[in-house]
Amino acid sequence: MLLTLGASGAHAQAWNSSSSSGPGFWNRGFEITPFGGSRFGGVIDLNSSSPTNVDNLGIRSGWDYGAMLDVDLFPHAQAEFMWDQQPTVLSQNYSGGGSSRVGEASLSTFQWSFLYEFLQPGAKFQPYAVGGVGFTSYNTNGIIDLGNQLAFNVGGGVKYFFTPHVGVRLEARYMPSRTTEGVGEYCDPLFGCYAAAIHNYASQGAANVGVIFRF
């Protein structure tokens, strides 16, 4: 009787591909997750050729949307491709304070990531960590020419499955993207300090919720 109760409790915590599979049974598959939420923060630093009273271009926080494809590699691990789209507005931020609207823009981010799930395969509730690299395509309608720039992400979240094939996913990520180049001071213990080229980044975050379809 105790064995029966134990088995029933374990089964309640995990989905299995067949009645002959025990709790934690892993069956290779993939997940498609359309999502939506918020993407926030970030500025585009300007170079010396810009107006002297303008420090940077602010990226307005707002809603985002996209989709993720996660493919099982082995128990606990998935390879992920993510597309994240952010319609936004760019504003000039002045050195003396204040800002003014410049125009509309759109940020399209494409990233390839590694996702690690912490609990046993098949668990209905599954916390995870994720991180990867890719690029952001800046469509600024001629405001500033950035094109495609290096981007990366790191974050985590939880998945919850209502059935073996349908669930919900909540997550948050840090998603910086390279923007412009500048000049900074680099100090070396042997050669002293000198001017060197540096890359500026738009430091953004994202919080999203999506519906998982597992196959």
C-alpha atoms as a PDB file:
ATOM      1  CA  MET A   1       0.000   0.000   0.000  1.00  0.00           C
ATOM      2  CA  LEU A   2       2.833   2.392   0.872  1.00  0.00           C
ATOM      3  CA  LEU A   3       4.496   1.575  -2.439  1.00  0.00           C
ATOM      4  CA  THR A   4       1.239   2.286  -4.258  1.00  0.00           C
ATOM      5  CA  LEU A   5       0.820   5.669  -2.566  1.00  0.00           C
ATOM      6  CA  GLY A   6       4.438   6.580  -3.289  1.00  0.00           C
ATOM      7  CA  ALA A   7       4.119   5.703  -6.945  1.00  0.00           C
ATOM      8  CA  SER A   8       0.879   7.685  -7.260  1.00  0.00           C
ATOM      9  CA  GLY A   9       2.474  10.761  -5.645  1.00  0.00           C
ATOM     10  CA  ALA A  10       5.491  10.584  -7.908  1.00  0.00           C
ATOM     11  CA  HIS A  11       3.268  10.210 -10.963  1.00  0.00           C
ATOM     12  CA  ALA A  12       1.368  13.363  -9.962  1.00  0.00           C
ATOM     13  CA  GLN A  13       4.611  15.314 -10.177  1.00  0.00           C
ATOM     14  CA  ALA A  14       5.671  14.116 -13.632  1.00  0.00           C
ATOM     15  CA  TRP A  15       4.197  13.547 -17.076  1.00  0.00           C
ATOM     16  CA  ASN A  16       5.189  10.317 -18.835  1.00  0.00           C
ATOM     17  CA  SER A  17       4.981   9.381 -22.505  1.00  0.00           C
ATOM     18  CA  SER A  18       3.329   6.013 -21.757  1.00  0.00           C
ATOM     19  CA  SER A  19       1.847   4.082 -18.847  1.00  0.00           C
ATOM     20  CA  SER A  20       4.860   1.756 -18.828  1.00  0.00           C
ATOM     21  CA  SER A  21       7.298   4.608 -18.138  1.00  0.00           C
ATOM     22  CA  GLY A  22       8.286   5.456 -14.575  1.00  0.00           C
ATOM     23  CA  PRO A  23       8.423   8.946 -13.056  1.00  0.00           C
ATOM     24  CA  GLY A  24      11.211  11.008 -14.531  1.00  0.00           C
ATOM     25  CA  PHE A  25      11.155   9.128 -17.844  1.00  0.00           C
ATOM     26  CA  TRP A  26      12.744  11.315 -20.545  1.00  0.00           C
ATOM     27  CA  ASN A  27      11.442  11.299 -24.096  1.00  0.00           C
ATOM     28  CA  ARG A  28      13.203  13.534 -26.643  1.00  0.00           C
ATOM     29  CA  GLY A  29      11.005  16.266 -28.121  1.00  0.00           C
ATOM     30  CA  PHE A  30      10.747  19.989 -28.765  1.00  0.00           C
ATOM     31  CA  GLU A  31       8.710  22.990 -27.617  1.00  0.00           C
ATOM     32  CA  ILE A  32       7.298  26.023 -29.454  1.00  0.00           C
ATOM     33  CA  THR A  33       6.435  29.000 -27.229  1.00  0.00           C
ATOM     34  CA  PRO A  34       4.847  32.206 -28.543  1.00  0.00           C
ATOM     35  CA  PHE A  35       5.236  34.925 -25.900  1.00  0.00           C
ATOM     36  CA  GLY A  36       4.574  38.543 -25.035  1.00  0.00           C
ATOM     37  CA  GLY A  37       5.415  40.956 -22.255  1.00  0.00           C
ATOM     38  CA  SER A  38       7.689  43.902 -21.589  1.00  0.00           C
ATOM     39  CA  ARG A  39      11.176  44.948 -22.684  1.00  0.00           C
ATOM     40  CA  PHE A  40      12.660  47.824 -20.763  1.00  0.00           C
ATOM     41  CA  GLY A  41      15.688  50.083 -20.315  1.00  0.00           C
ATOM     42  CA  GLY A  42      18.588  50.856 -22.613  1.00  0.00           C
ATOM     43  CA  VAL A  43      20.235  53.871 -24.225  1.00  0.00           C
ATOM     44  CA  ILE A  44      22.280  54.325 -27.389  1.00  0.00           C
ATOM     45  CA  ASP A  45      25.429  56.310 -26.598  1.00  0.00           C
ATOM     46  CA  LEU A  46      26.363  58.867 -29.233  1.00  0.00           C
ATOM     47  CA  ASN A  47      29.820  59.656 -30.638  1.00  0.00           C
ATOM     48  CA  SER A  48      31.593  63.014 -30.802  1.00  0.00           C
ATOM     49  CA  SER A  49      29.986  63.932 -34.136  1.00  0.00           C
ATOM     50  CA  SER A  50      26.568  64.205 -32.471  1.00  0.00           C
ATOM     51  CA  PRO A  51      25.199  67.492 -31.057  1.00  0.00           C
ATOM     52  CA  THR A  52      27.266  68.399 -28.006  1.00  0.00           C
ATOM     53  CA  ASN A  53      24.228  68.862 -25.764  1.00  0.00           C
ATOM     54  CA  VAL A  54      22.820  65.378 -26.521  1.00  0.00           C
ATOM     55  CA  ASP A  55      24.199  62.576 -24.344  1.00  0.00           C
ATOM     56  CA  ASN A  56      22.392  59.604 -25.846  1.00  0.00           C
ATOM     57  CA  LEU A  57      19.249  58.234 -27.442  1.00  0.00           C
ATOM     58  CA  GLY A  58      16.881  56.657 -24.961  1.00  0.00           C
ATOM     59  CA  ILE A  59      15.012  53.481 -25.941  1.00  0.00           C
ATOM     60  CA  ARG A  60      11.473  53.735 -24.601  1.00  0.00           C
ATOM     61  CA  SER A  61      10.362  50.778 -22.480  1.00  0.00           C
ATOM     62  CA  GLY A  62       7.273  49.023 -23.787  1.00  0.00           C
ATOM     63  CA  TRP A  63       5.728  45.787 -24.886  1.00  0.00           C
ATOM     64  CA  ASP A  64       7.474  43.050 -26.842  1.00  0.00           C
ATOM     65  CA  TYR A  65       6.497  39.776 -28.498  1.00  0.00           C
ATOM     66  CA  GLY A  66       8.099  36.818 -30.206  1.00  0.00           C
ATOM     67  CA  ALA A  67       8.593  33.070 -30.144  1.00  0.00           C
ATOM     68  CA  MET A  68      11.014  30.439 -28.854  1.00  0.00           C
ATOM     69  CA  LEU A  69      11.927  27.013 -30.190  1.00  0.00           C
ATOM     70  CA  ASP A  70      13.485  24.666 -27.609  1.00  0.00           C
ATOM     71  CA  VAL A  71      14.887  21.292 -28.697  1.00  0.00           C
ATOM     72  CA  ASP A  72      15.833  18.584 -26.189  1.00  0.00           C
ATOM     73  CA  LEU A  73      19.546  17.703 -26.227  1.00  0.00           C
ATOM     74  CA  PHE A  74      19.660  15.334 -23.249  1.00  0.00           C
ATOM     75  CA  PRO A  75      17.885  15.152 -19.857  1.00  0.00           C
ATOM     76  CA  HIS A  76      17.757  18.627 -18.238  1.00  0.00           C
ATOM     77  CA  ALA A  77      19.209  20.429 -21.301  1.00  0.00           C
ATOM     78  CA  GLN A  78      17.734  22.150 -24.347  1.00  0.00           C
ATOM     79  CA  ALA A  79      19.067  24.159 -27.283  1.00  0.00           C
ATOM     80  CA  GLU A  80      16.978  27.283 -27.878  1.00  0.00           C
ATOM     81  CA  PHE A  81      16.365  29.760 -30.667  1.00  0.00           C
ATOM     82  CA  MET A  82      14.526  32.972 -29.719  1.00  0.00           C
ATOM     83  CA  TRP A  83      13.081  35.826 -31.760  1.00  0.00           C
ATOM     84  CA  ASP A  84      12.092  38.947 -29.783  1.00  0.00           C
ATOM     85  CA  GLN A  85      10.498  42.003 -31.410  1.00  0.00           C
ATOM     86  CA  GLN A  86      10.217  45.401 -29.671  1.00  0.00           C
ATOM     87  CA  PRO A  87       8.371  48.342 -31.278  1.00  0.00           C
ATOM     88  CA  THR A  88       9.688  51.452 -29.530  1.00  0.00           C
ATOM     89  CA  VAL A  89      10.403  55.185 -29.692  1.00  0.00           C
ATOM     90  CA  LEU A  90      13.822  56.859 -29.557  1.00  0.00           C
ATOM     91  CA  SER A  91      14.277  60.096 -27.601  1.00  0.00           C
ATOM     92  CA  GLN A  92      17.210  62.513 -27.320  1.00  0.00           C
ATOM     93  CA  ASN A  93      18.472  62.816 -23.730  1.00  0.00           C
ATOM     94  CA  TYR A  94      20.148  66.183 -23.119  1.00  0.00           C
ATOM     95  CA  SER A  95      23.216  66.720 -20.940  1.00  0.00           C
ATOM     96  CA  GLY A  96      21.468  69.539 -19.093  1.00  0.00           C
ATOM     97  CA  GLY A  97      18.423  67.390 -18.382  1.00  0.00           C
ATOM     98  CA  GLY A  98      15.226  66.695 -20.258  1.00  0.00           C
ATOM     99  CA  SER A  99      14.521  64.792 -23.458  1.00  0.00           C
ATOM    100  CA  SER A 100      12.619  65.054 -26.721  1.00  0.00           C
ATOM    101  CA  ARG A 101      11.067  62.486 -29.034  1.00  0.00           C
ATOM    102  CA  VAL A 102      13.027  61.715 -32.200  1.00  0.00           C
ATOM    103  CA  GLY A 103      11.036  58.986 -33.917  1.00  0.00           C
ATOM    104  CA  GLU A 104       9.828  55.402 -33.979  1.00  0.00           C
ATOM    105  CA  ALA A 105      12.132  52.399 -34.147  1.00  0.00           C
ATOM    106  CA  SER A 106      11.997  48.623 -33.970  1.00  0.00           C
ATOM    107  CA  LEU A 107      14.468  46.188 -32.384  1.00  0.00           C
ATOM    108  CA  SER A 108      14.533  42.617 -33.686  1.00  0.00           C
ATOM    109  CA  THR A 109      16.640  40.275 -31.562  1.00  0.00           C
ATOM    110  CA  PHE A 110      17.666  36.760 -32.621  1.00  0.00           C
ATOM    111  CA  GLN A 111      19.483  34.579 -30.073  1.00  0.00           C
ATOM    112  CA  TRP A 112      20.791  31.028 -29.774  1.00  0.00           C
ATOM    113  CA  SER A 113      20.887  29.805 -26.179  1.00  0.00           C
ATOM    114  CA  PHE A 114      21.453  26.866 -23.836  1.00  0.00           C
ATOM    115  CA  LEU A 115      18.667  26.132 -21.334  1.00  0.00           C
ATOM    116  CA  TYR A 116      19.120  23.996 -18.206  1.00  0.00           C
ATOM    117  CA  GLU A 117      16.151  22.551 -16.262  1.00  0.00           C
ATOM    118  CA  PHE A 118      16.740  21.871 -12.566  1.00  0.00           C
ATOM    119  CA  LEU A 119      14.141  19.205 -11.725  1.00  0.00           C
ATOM    120  CA  GLN A 120      13.606  15.681 -13.023  1.00  0.00           C
ATOM    121  CA  PRO A 121      12.620  15.281 -16.684  1.00  0.00           C
ATOM    122  CA  GLY A 122       8.858  15.274 -17.114  1.00  0.00           C
ATOM    123  CA  ALA A 123       8.125  17.375 -14.018  1.00  0.00           C
ATOM    124  CA  LYS A 124       4.977  19.484 -14.326  1.00  0.00           C
ATOM    125  CA  PHE A 125       6.693  22.428 -12.555  1.00  0.00           C
ATOM    126  CA  GLN A 126      10.142  23.103 -13.990  1.00  0.00           C
ATOM    127  CA  PRO A 127      12.469  26.016 -12.986  1.00  0.00           C
ATOM    128  CA  TYR A 128      15.306  26.736 -15.417  1.00  0.00           C
ATOM    129  CA  ALA A 129      18.269  28.952 -16.243  1.00  0.00           C
ATOM    130  CA  VAL A 130      19.114  30.142 -19.754  1.00  0.00           C
ATOM    131  CA  GLY A 131      21.853  32.070 -21.546  1.00  0.00           C
ATOM    132  CA  GLY A 132      23.159  32.615 -25.049  1.00  0.00           C
ATOM    133  CA  VAL A 133      24.344  34.930 -27.839  1.00  0.00           C
ATOM    134  CA  GLY A 134      23.003  36.342 -31.080  1.00  0.00           C
ATOM    135  CA  PHE A 135      22.372  39.721 -32.662  1.00  0.00           C
ATOM    136  CA  THR A 136      19.962  42.646 -32.599  1.00  0.00           C
ATOM    137  CA  SER A 137      18.818  44.304 -35.826  1.00  0.00           C
ATOM    138  CA  TYR A 138      18.152  48.020 -35.272  1.00  0.00           C
ATOM    139  CA  ASN A 139      15.528  49.513 -37.588  1.00  0.00           C
ATOM    140  CA  THR A 140      15.644  53.213 -36.659  1.00  0.00           C
ATOM    141  CA  ASN A 141      14.086  54.701 -39.822  1.00  0.00           C
ATOM    142  CA  GLY A 142      17.266  56.656 -40.566  1.00  0.00           C
ATOM    143  CA  ILE A 143      17.717  58.164 -37.100  1.00  0.00           C
ATOM    144  CA  ILE A 144      21.019  56.343 -36.541  1.00  0.00           C
ATOM    145  CA  ASP A 145      22.758  53.693 -38.628  1.00  0.00           C
ATOM    146  CA  LEU A 146      23.465  50.642 -36.446  1.00  0.00           C
ATOM    147  CA  GLY A 147      22.425  47.641 -38.555  1.00  0.00           C
ATOM    148  CA  ASN A 148      22.998  44.246 -36.936  1.00  0.00           C
ATOM    149  CA  GLN A 149      24.862  44.244 -33.630  1.00  0.00           C
ATOM    150  CA  LEU A 150      26.142  41.572 -31.233  1.00  0.00           C
ATOM    151  CA  ALA A 151      23.731  40.697 -28.417  1.00  0.00           C
ATOM    152  CA  PHE A 152      23.546  38.202 -25.587  1.00  0.00           C
ATOM    153  CA  ASN A 153      21.146  37.142 -22.858  1.00  0.00           C
ATOM    154  CA  VAL A 154      21.101  35.506 -19.428  1.00  0.00           C
ATOM    155  CA  GLY A 155      18.103  34.789 -17.240  1.00  0.00           C
ATOM    156  CA  GLY A 156      15.742  32.235 -15.820  1.00  0.00           C
ATOM    157  CA  GLY A 157      12.147  31.322 -15.243  1.00  0.00           C
ATOM    158  CA  VAL A 158       9.652  28.541 -14.661  1.00  0.00           C
ATOM    159  CA  LYS A 159       7.560  26.254 -16.835  1.00  0.00           C
ATOM    160  CA  TYR A 160       4.294  24.671 -15.709  1.00  0.00           C
ATOM    161  CA  PHE A 161       2.569  21.968 -17.759  1.00  0.00           C
ATOM    162  CA  PHE A 162      -1.216  21.553 -17.547  1.00  0.00           C
ATOM    163  CA  THR A 163      -0.991  18.482 -19.810  1.00  0.00           C
ATOM    164  CA  PRO A 164       1.999  16.632 -21.290  1.00  0.00           C
ATOM    165  CA  HIS A 165       1.763  18.887 -24.372  1.00  0.00           C
ATOM    166  CA  VAL A 166       0.514  22.280 -23.157  1.00  0.00           C
ATOM    167  CA  GLY A 167       1.934  24.564 -20.502  1.00  0.00           C
ATOM    168  CA  VAL A 168       2.791  28.124 -19.539  1.00  0.00           C
ATOM    169  CA  ARG A 169       6.209  29.767 -19.207  1.00  0.00           C
ATOM    170  CA  LEU A 170       7.208  32.837 -17.176  1.00  0.00           C
ATOM    171  CA  GLU A 171      10.716  34.287 -17.381  1.00  0.00           C
ATOM    172  CA  ALA A 172      12.981  37.311 -17.025  1.00  0.00           C
ATOM    173  CA  ARG A 173      16.217  38.017 -18.911  1.00  0.00           C
ATOM    174  CA  TYR A 174      19.020  40.546 -19.072  1.00  0.00           C
ATOM    175  CA  MET A 175      19.442  41.312 -22.816  1.00  0.00           C
ATOM    176  CA  PRO A 176      22.204  43.810 -23.691  1.00  0.00           C
ATOM    177  CA  SER A 177      22.986  44.651 -27.325  1.00  0.00           C
ATOM    178  CA  ARG A 178      26.024  46.391 -28.774  1.00  0.00           C
ATOM    179  CA  THR A 179      25.349  49.863 -30.195  1.00  0.00           C
ATOM    180  CA  THR A 180      28.070  52.400 -31.039  1.00  0.00           C
ATOM    181  CA  GLU A 181      31.841  52.610 -30.663  1.00  0.00           C
ATOM    182  CA  GLY A 182      33.564  55.163 -28.499  1.00  0.00           C
ATOM    183  CA  VAL A 183      36.959  55.988 -27.047  1.00  0.00           C
ATOM    184  CA  GLY A 184      37.871  55.218 -23.467  1.00  0.00           C
ATOM    185  CA  GLU A 185      40.975  55.204 -21.322  1.00  0.00           C
ATOM    186  CA  TYR A 186      42.659  51.827 -20.846  1.00  0.00           C
ATOM    187  CA  CYS A 187      45.363  51.395 -18.219  1.00  0.00           C
ATOM    188  CA  ASP A 188      47.972  48.663 -18.425  1.00  0.00           C
ATOM    189  CA  PRO A 189      50.422  47.986 -15.552  1.00  0.00           C
ATOM    190  CA  LEU A 190      53.327  47.752 -18.025  1.00  0.00           C
ATOM    191  CA  PHE A 191      52.545  50.418 -20.632  1.00  0.00           C
ATOM    192  CA  GLY A 192      50.489  52.911 -18.625  1.00  0.00           C
ATOM    193  CA  CYS A 193      47.208  54.512 -19.707  1.00  0.00           C
ATOM    194  CA  TYR A 194      46.205  55.198 -23.280  1.00  0.00           C
ATOM    195  CA  ALA A 195      43.083  55.841 -25.374  1.00  0.00           C
ATOM    196  CA  ALA A 196      41.420  52.729 -26.795  1.00  0.00           C
ATOM    197  CA  ALA A 197      38.277  51.958 -28.779  1.00  0.00           C
ATOM    198  CA  ILE A 198      35.401  50.610 -26.695  1.00  0.00           C
ATOM    199  CA  HIS A 199      31.980  49.189 -27.555  1.00  0.00           C
ATOM    200  CA  ASN A 200      28.861  50.691 -26.021  1.00  0.00           C
ATOM    201  CA  TYR A 201      25.852  48.552 -25.141  1.00  0.00           C
ATOM    202  CA  ALA A 202      22.140  49.150 -24.694  1.00  0.00           C
ATOM    203  CA  SER A 203      21.466  47.348 -21.411  1.00  0.00           C
ATOM    204  CA  GLN A 204      17.911  46.054 -21.574  1.00  0.00           C
ATOM    205  CA  GLY A 205      15.800  43.638 -19.595  1.00  0.00           C
ATOM    206  CA  ALA A 206      12.738  41.623 -20.565  1.00  0.00           C
ATOM    207  CA  ALA A 207       9.917  39.937 -18.645  1.00  0.00           C
ATOM    208  CA  ASN A 208       7.622  37.672 -20.641  1.00  0.00           C
ATOM    209  CA  VAL A 209       4.920  35.035 -20.403  1.00  0.00           C
ATOM    210  CA  GLY A 210       4.239  32.430 -23.085  1.00  0.00           C
ATOM    211  CA  VAL A 211       2.174  29.356 -23.927  1.00  0.00           C
ATOM    212  CA  ILE A 212       4.197  26.153 -24.436  1.00  0.00           C
ATOM    213  CA  PHE A 213       3.260  23.606 -27.066  1.00  0.00           C
ATOM    214  CA  ARG A 214       5.335  20.436 -26.624  1.00  0.00           C
ATOM    215  CA  PHE A 215       5.714  17.813 -29.349  1.00  0.00           C
END
